[in-house]
Amino acid sequence: MAAEGLGWLLVPLHQLVSWVAAGAMVFGGVVPYIPQYRDIRRTQNADGFSTHVCLVLLVANILRILFW
């Protein structure tokens, strides 16, 4: 009986968690690039920046989103 009474809370909570998880999947792939971007902007030097790493990370994130 207590579980039936909490139904009004569990359904919106489940939807909220689902939306947060979906947002994390979409925007979470960008977060690792932020410190590197800030460092390159601050030093005006892109030495050591590998485009191959970016390619691998982008492909991995795209595959993760498609799998999800």
PDB file of N, CA and C in Angstrom:
ATOM      1  N   MET A   1       0.818  -1.190   0.000  1.00  0.00           N
ATOM      2  CA  MET A   1       0.000   0.000   0.000  1.00  0.00           C
ATOM      3  C   MET A   1       0.864   1.257   0.000  1.00  0.00           C
ATOM      4  N   ALA A   2       1.987   1.220   0.679  1.00  0.00           N
ATOM      5  CA  ALA A   2       2.876   2.383   0.709  1.00  0.00           C
ATOM      6  C   ALA A   2       3.480   2.645  -0.661  1.00  0.00           C
ATOM      7  N   ALA A   3       3.757   1.577  -1.429  1.00  0.00           N
ATOM      8  CA  ALA A   3       4.326   1.751  -2.768  1.00  0.00           C
ATOM      9  C   ALA A   3       3.306   2.410  -3.695  1.00  0.00           C
ATOM     10  N   GLU A   4       2.031   2.085  -3.526  1.00  0.00           N
ATOM     11  CA  GLU A   4       1.001   2.708  -4.353  1.00  0.00           C
ATOM     12  C   GLU A   4       0.877   4.196  -4.032  1.00  0.00           C
ATOM     13  N   GLY A   5       1.063   4.545  -2.796  1.00  0.00           N
ATOM     14  CA  GLY A   5       0.968   5.934  -2.384  1.00  0.00           C
ATOM     15  C   GLY A   5       2.116   6.785  -2.894  1.00  0.00           C
ATOM     16  N   LEU A   6       3.269   6.154  -3.155  1.00  0.00           N
ATOM     17  CA  LEU A   6       4.435   6.895  -3.647  1.00  0.00           C
ATOM     18  C   LEU A   6       4.529   6.919  -5.170  1.00  0.00           C
ATOM     19  N   GLY A   7       3.560   6.339  -5.843  1.00  0.00           N
ATOM     20  CA  GLY A   7       3.569   6.308  -7.307  1.00  0.00           C
ATOM     21  C   GLY A   7       3.613   7.694  -7.920  1.00  0.00           C
ATOM     22  N   TRP A   8       2.941   8.644  -7.298  1.00  0.00           N
ATOM     23  CA  TRP A   8       2.922  10.019  -7.808  1.00  0.00           C
ATOM     24  C   TRP A   8       4.313  10.641  -7.761  1.00  0.00           C
ATOM     25  N   LEU A   9       5.188  10.134  -6.892  1.00  0.00           N
ATOM     26  CA  LEU A   9       6.539  10.669  -6.768  1.00  0.00           C
ATOM     27  C   LEU A   9       7.541   9.901  -7.620  1.00  0.00           C
ATOM     28  N   LEU A  10       7.356   8.592  -7.722  1.00  0.00           N
ATOM     29  CA  LEU A  10       8.335   7.760  -8.423  1.00  0.00           C
ATOM     30  C   LEU A  10       8.327   7.971  -9.927  1.00  0.00           C
ATOM     31  N   VAL A  11       7.162   8.174 -10.520  1.00  0.00           N
ATOM     32  CA  VAL A  11       7.094   8.351 -11.973  1.00  0.00           C
ATOM     33  C   VAL A  11       7.801   9.637 -12.407  1.00  0.00           C
ATOM     34  N   PRO A  12       7.524  10.789 -11.824  1.00  0.00           N
ATOM     35  CA  PRO A  12       8.264  11.995 -12.219  1.00  0.00           C
ATOM     36  C   PRO A  12       9.756  11.908 -11.887  1.00  0.00           C
ATOM     37  N   LEU A  13      10.088  11.242 -10.784  1.00  0.00           N
ATOM     38  CA  LEU A  13      11.488  11.080 -10.420  1.00  0.00           C
ATOM     39  C   LEU A  13      12.208  10.226 -11.459  1.00  0.00           C
ATOM     40  N   HIS A  14      11.554   9.168 -11.922  1.00  0.00           N
ATOM     41  CA  HIS A  14      12.134   8.312 -12.961  1.00  0.00           C
ATOM     42  C   HIS A  14      12.344   9.102 -14.248  1.00  0.00           C
ATOM     43  N   GLN A  15      11.383   9.937 -14.615  1.00  0.00           N
ATOM     44  CA  GLN A  15      11.513  10.758 -15.816  1.00  0.00           C
ATOM     45  C   GLN A  15      12.645  11.764 -15.671  1.00  0.00           C
ATOM     46  N   LEU A  16      12.778  12.357 -14.502  1.00  0.00           N
ATOM     47  CA  LEU A  16      13.855  13.311 -14.261  1.00  0.00           C
ATOM     48  C   LEU A  16      15.219  12.639 -14.383  1.00  0.00           C
ATOM     49  N   VAL A  17      15.369  11.475 -13.774  1.00  0.00           N
ATOM     50  CA  VAL A  17      16.635  10.743 -13.851  1.00  0.00           C
ATOM     51  C   VAL A  17      16.931  10.346 -15.294  1.00  0.00           C
ATOM     52  N   SER A  18      15.911   9.975 -16.023  1.00  0.00           N
ATOM     53  CA  SER A  18      16.087   9.602 -17.431  1.00  0.00           C
ATOM     54  C   SER A  18      16.564  10.789 -18.254  1.00  0.00           C
ATOM     55  N   TRP A  19      15.984  11.967 -18.041  1.00  0.00           N
ATOM     56  CA  TRP A  19      16.399  13.164 -18.775  1.00  0.00           C
ATOM     57  C   TRP A  19      17.818  13.587 -18.409  1.00  0.00           C
ATOM     58  N   VAL A  20      18.159  13.500 -17.136  1.00  0.00           N
ATOM     59  CA  VAL A  20      19.507  13.853 -16.693  1.00  0.00           C
ATOM     60  C   VAL A  20      20.527  12.891 -17.303  1.00  0.00           C
ATOM     61  N   ALA A  21      20.206  11.611 -17.328  1.00  0.00           N
ATOM     62  CA  ALA A  21      21.107  10.624 -17.919  1.00  0.00           C
ATOM     63  C   ALA A  21      21.285  10.872 -19.416  1.00  0.00           C
ATOM     64  N   ALA A  22      20.201  11.209 -20.107  1.00  0.00           N
ATOM     65  CA  ALA A  22      20.291  11.492 -21.530  1.00  0.00           C
ATOM     66  C   ALA A  22      21.146  12.742 -21.772  1.00  0.00           C
ATOM     67  N   GLY A  23      20.966  13.769 -20.961  1.00  0.00           N
ATOM     68  CA  GLY A  23      21.783  14.978 -21.097  1.00  0.00           C
ATOM     69  C   GLY A  23      23.249  14.706 -20.826  1.00  0.00           C
ATOM     70  N   ALA A  24      23.521  13.850 -19.842  1.00  0.00           N
ATOM     71  CA  ALA A  24      24.912  13.495 -19.542  1.00  0.00           C
ATOM     72  C   ALA A  24      25.534  12.731 -20.698  1.00  0.00           C
ATOM     73  N   MET A  25      24.763  11.894 -21.354  1.00  0.00           N
ATOM     74  CA  MET A  25      25.280  11.153 -22.508  1.00  0.00           C
ATOM     75  C   MET A  25      25.606  12.085 -23.662  1.00  0.00           C
ATOM     76  N   VAL A  26      24.783  13.084 -23.865  1.00  0.00           N
ATOM     77  CA  VAL A  26      24.992  13.997 -24.993  1.00  0.00           C
ATOM     78  C   VAL A  26      26.122  14.977 -24.708  1.00  0.00           C
ATOM     79  N   PHE A  27      26.068  15.640 -23.547  1.00  0.00           N
ATOM     80  CA  PHE A  27      27.047  16.689 -23.264  1.00  0.00           C
ATOM     81  C   PHE A  27      28.292  16.180 -22.552  1.00  0.00           C
ATOM     82  N   GLY A  28      28.254  14.970 -22.042  1.00  0.00           N
ATOM     83  CA  GLY A  28      29.400  14.416 -21.332  1.00  0.00           C
ATOM     84  C   GLY A  28      30.610  14.204 -22.226  1.00  0.00           C
ATOM     85  N   GLY A  29      30.397  14.023 -23.511  1.00  0.00           N
ATOM     86  CA  GLY A  29      31.510  13.838 -24.435  1.00  0.00           C
ATOM     87  C   GLY A  29      32.320  15.092 -24.664  1.00  0.00           C
ATOM     88  N   VAL A  30      31.752  16.235 -24.365  1.00  0.00           N
ATOM     89  CA  VAL A  30      32.430  17.510 -24.599  1.00  0.00           C
ATOM     90  C   VAL A  30      33.281  17.928 -23.400  1.00  0.00           C
ATOM     91  N   VAL A  31      32.874  17.521 -22.226  1.00  0.00           N
ATOM     92  CA  VAL A  31      33.512  17.980 -20.991  1.00  0.00           C
ATOM     93  C   VAL A  31      35.024  17.732 -20.955  1.00  0.00           C
ATOM     94  N   PRO A  32      35.545  16.571 -21.398  1.00  0.00           N
ATOM     95  CA  PRO A  32      36.997  16.374 -21.330  1.00  0.00           C
ATOM     96  C   PRO A  32      37.803  17.342 -22.197  1.00  0.00           C
ATOM     97  N   TYR A  33      37.174  17.935 -23.181  1.00  0.00           N
ATOM     98  CA  TYR A  33      37.894  18.852 -24.066  1.00  0.00           C
ATOM     99  C   TYR A  33      38.057  20.247 -23.472  1.00  0.00           C
ATOM    100  N   ILE A  34      37.258  20.600 -22.493  1.00  0.00           N
ATOM    101  CA  ILE A  34      37.265  21.965 -21.957  1.00  0.00           C
ATOM    102  C   ILE A  34      38.610  22.359 -21.358  1.00  0.00           C
ATOM    103  N   PRO A  35      39.237  21.561 -20.487  1.00  0.00           N
ATOM    104  CA  PRO A  35      40.548  21.977 -19.953  1.00  0.00           C
ATOM    105  C   PRO A  35      41.622  22.103 -21.035  1.00  0.00           C
ATOM    106  N   GLN A  36      41.582  21.216 -22.021  1.00  0.00           N
ATOM    107  CA  GLN A  36      42.565  21.289 -23.098  1.00  0.00           C
ATOM    108  C   GLN A  36      42.347  22.558 -23.924  1.00  0.00           C
ATOM    109  N   TYR A  37      41.116  22.881 -24.214  1.00  0.00           N
ATOM    110  CA  TYR A  37      40.810  24.096 -24.969  1.00  0.00           C
ATOM    111  C   TYR A  37      41.273  25.338 -24.205  1.00  0.00           C
ATOM    112  N   ARG A  38      40.995  25.368 -22.913  1.00  0.00           N
ATOM    113  CA  ARG A  38      41.400  26.526 -22.101  1.00  0.00           C
ATOM    114  C   ARG A  38      42.919  26.664 -22.061  1.00  0.00           C
ATOM    115  N   ASP A  39      43.623  25.546 -21.975  1.00  0.00           N
ATOM    116  CA  ASP A  39      45.083  25.584 -21.949  1.00  0.00           C
ATOM    117  C   ASP A  39      45.640  26.087 -23.282  1.00  0.00           C
ATOM    118  N   ILE A  40      45.079  25.637 -24.373  1.00  0.00           N
ATOM    119  CA  ILE A  40      45.533  26.092 -25.690  1.00  0.00           C
ATOM    120  C   ILE A  40      45.242  27.574 -25.867  1.00  0.00           C
ATOM    121  N   ARG A  41      44.079  28.034 -25.438  1.00  0.00           N
ATOM    122  CA  ARG A  41      43.748  29.467 -25.538  1.00  0.00           C
ATOM    123  C   ARG A  41      44.667  30.308 -24.656  1.00  0.00           C
ATOM    124  N   ARG A  42      44.981  29.811 -23.458  1.00  0.00           N
ATOM    125  CA  ARG A  42      45.808  30.574 -22.525  1.00  0.00           C
ATOM    126  C   ARG A  42      47.241  30.695 -23.022  1.00  0.00           C
ATOM    127  N   THR A  43      47.806  29.597 -23.522  1.00  0.00           N
ATOM    128  CA  THR A  43      49.210  29.604 -23.939  1.00  0.00           C
ATOM    129  C   THR A  43      49.388  29.990 -25.399  1.00  0.00           C
ATOM    130  N   GLN A  44      48.316  30.000 -26.173  1.00  0.00           N
ATOM    131  CA  GLN A  44      48.385  30.257 -27.617  1.00  0.00           C
ATOM    132  C   GLN A  44      49.371  29.296 -28.291  1.00  0.00           C
ATOM    133  N   ASN A  45      49.402  28.053 -27.798  1.00  0.00           N
ATOM    134  CA  ASN A  45      50.325  27.056 -28.306  1.00  0.00           C
ATOM    135  C   ASN A  45      49.604  25.712 -28.339  1.00  0.00           C
ATOM    136  N   ALA A  46      49.581  25.084 -29.506  1.00  0.00           N
ATOM    137  CA  ALA A  46      48.884  23.807 -29.655  1.00  0.00           C
ATOM    138  C   ALA A  46      49.854  22.636 -29.767  1.00  0.00           C
ATOM    139  N   ASP A  47      51.090  22.807 -29.323  1.00  0.00           N
ATOM    140  CA  ASP A  47      52.051  21.702 -29.348  1.00  0.00           C
ATOM    141  C   ASP A  47      51.554  20.573 -28.461  1.00  0.00           C
ATOM    142  N   GLY A  48      51.678  19.356 -28.951  1.00  0.00           N
ATOM    143  CA  GLY A  48      51.228  18.201 -28.197  1.00  0.00           C
ATOM    144  C   GLY A  48      49.763  17.883 -28.405  1.00  0.00           C
ATOM    145  N   PHE A  49      49.069  18.688 -29.171  1.00  0.00           N
ATOM    146  CA  PHE A  49      47.653  18.452 -29.443  1.00  0.00           C
ATOM    147  C   PHE A  49      47.550  17.452 -30.591  1.00  0.00           C
ATOM    148  N   SER A  50      46.912  16.337 -30.354  1.00  0.00           N
ATOM    149  CA  SER A  50      46.814  15.289 -31.358  1.00  0.00           C
ATOM    150  C   SER A  50      45.399  15.224 -31.910  1.00  0.00           C
ATOM    151  N   THR A  51      45.286  15.396 -33.212  1.00  0.00           N
ATOM    152  CA  THR A  51      43.968  15.285 -33.840  1.00  0.00           C
ATOM    153  C   THR A  51      43.504  13.833 -33.882  1.00  0.00           C
ATOM    154  N   HIS A  52      44.440  12.886 -33.806  1.00  0.00           N
ATOM    155  CA  HIS A  52      44.049  11.472 -33.797  1.00  0.00           C
ATOM    156  C   HIS A  52      43.306  11.119 -32.511  1.00  0.00           C
ATOM    157  N   VAL A  53      43.730  11.703 -31.410  1.00  0.00           N
ATOM    158  CA  VAL A  53      43.027  11.459 -30.148  1.00  0.00           C
ATOM    159  C   VAL A  53      41.614  12.020 -30.229  1.00  0.00           C
ATOM    160  N   CYS A  54      41.469  13.189 -30.809  1.00  0.00           N
ATOM    161  CA  CYS A  54      40.132  13.776 -30.973  1.00  0.00           C
ATOM    162  C   CYS A  54      39.258  12.879 -31.845  1.00  0.00           C
ATOM    163  N   LEU A  55      39.822  12.353 -32.905  1.00  0.00           N
ATOM    164  CA  LEU A  55      39.062  11.473 -33.786  1.00  0.00           C
ATOM    165  C   LEU A  55      38.593  10.228 -33.035  1.00  0.00           C
ATOM    166  N   VAL A  56      39.481   9.615 -32.289  1.00  0.00           N
ATOM    167  CA  VAL A  56      39.119   8.405 -31.538  1.00  0.00           C
ATOM    168  C   VAL A  56      38.040   8.726 -30.509  1.00  0.00           C
ATOM    169  N   LEU A  57      38.179   9.836 -29.780  1.00  0.00           N
ATOM    170  CA  LEU A  57      37.182  10.199 -28.772  1.00  0.00           C
ATOM    171  C   LEU A  57      35.828  10.525 -29.403  1.00  0.00           C
ATOM    172  N   LEU A  58      35.838  11.220 -30.525  1.00  0.00           N
ATOM    173  CA  LEU A  58      34.572  11.537 -31.197  1.00  0.00           C
ATOM    174  C   LEU A  58      33.870  10.279 -31.692  1.00  0.00           C
ATOM    175  N   VAL A  59      34.633   9.362 -32.296  1.00  0.00           N
ATOM    176  CA  VAL A  59      34.036   8.115 -32.775  1.00  0.00           C
ATOM    177  C   VAL A  59      33.496   7.309 -31.597  1.00  0.00           C
ATOM    178  N   ALA A  60      34.263   7.239 -30.513  1.00  0.00           N
ATOM    179  CA  ALA A  60      33.814   6.487 -29.337  1.00  0.00           C
ATOM    180  C   ALA A  60      32.532   7.081 -28.761  1.00  0.00           C
ATOM    181  N   ASN A  61      32.459   8.396 -28.694  1.00  0.00           N
ATOM    182  CA  ASN A  61      31.254   9.030 -28.144  1.00  0.00           C
ATOM    183  C   ASN A  61      30.056   8.866 -29.067  1.00  0.00           C
ATOM    184  N   ILE A  62      30.280   8.942 -30.373  1.00  0.00           N
ATOM    185  CA  ILE A  62      29.174   8.733 -31.317  1.00  0.00           C
ATOM    186  C   ILE A  62      28.662   7.303 -31.213  1.00  0.00           C
ATOM    187  N   LEU A  63      29.569   6.346 -31.128  1.00  0.00           N
ATOM    188  CA  LEU A  63      29.149   4.953 -30.983  1.00  0.00           C
ATOM    189  C   LEU A  63      28.413   4.731 -29.662  1.00  0.00           C
ATOM    190  N   ARG A  64      28.858   5.397 -28.612  1.00  0.00           N
ATOM    191  CA  ARG A  64      28.190   5.266 -27.311  1.00  0.00           C
ATOM    192  C   ARG A  64      26.762   5.790 -27.392  1.00  0.00           C
ATOM    193  N   ILE A  65      26.583   6.930 -28.044  1.00  0.00           N
ATOM    194  CA  ILE A  65      25.231   7.489 -28.176  1.00  0.00           C
ATOM    195  C   ILE A  65      24.357   6.599 -29.056  1.00  0.00           C
ATOM    196  N   LEU A  66      24.910   6.078 -30.152  1.00  0.00           N
ATOM    197  CA  LEU A  66      24.125   5.190 -31.004  1.00  0.00           C
ATOM    198  C   LEU A  66      23.769   3.896 -30.284  1.00  0.00           C
ATOM    199  N   PHE A  67      24.682   3.382 -29.472  1.00  0.00           N
ATOM    200  CA  PHE A  67      24.403   2.164 -28.716  1.00  0.00           C
ATOM    201  C   PHE A  67      23.312   2.409 -27.686  1.00  0.00           C
ATOM    202  N   TRP A  68      23.357   3.568 -27.061  1.00  0.00           N
ATOM    203  CA  TRP A  68      22.387   3.895 -26.030  1.00  0.00           C
ATOM    204  C   TRP A  68      21.015   4.009 -26.646  1.00  0.00           C
TER     205      TRP A  68
END
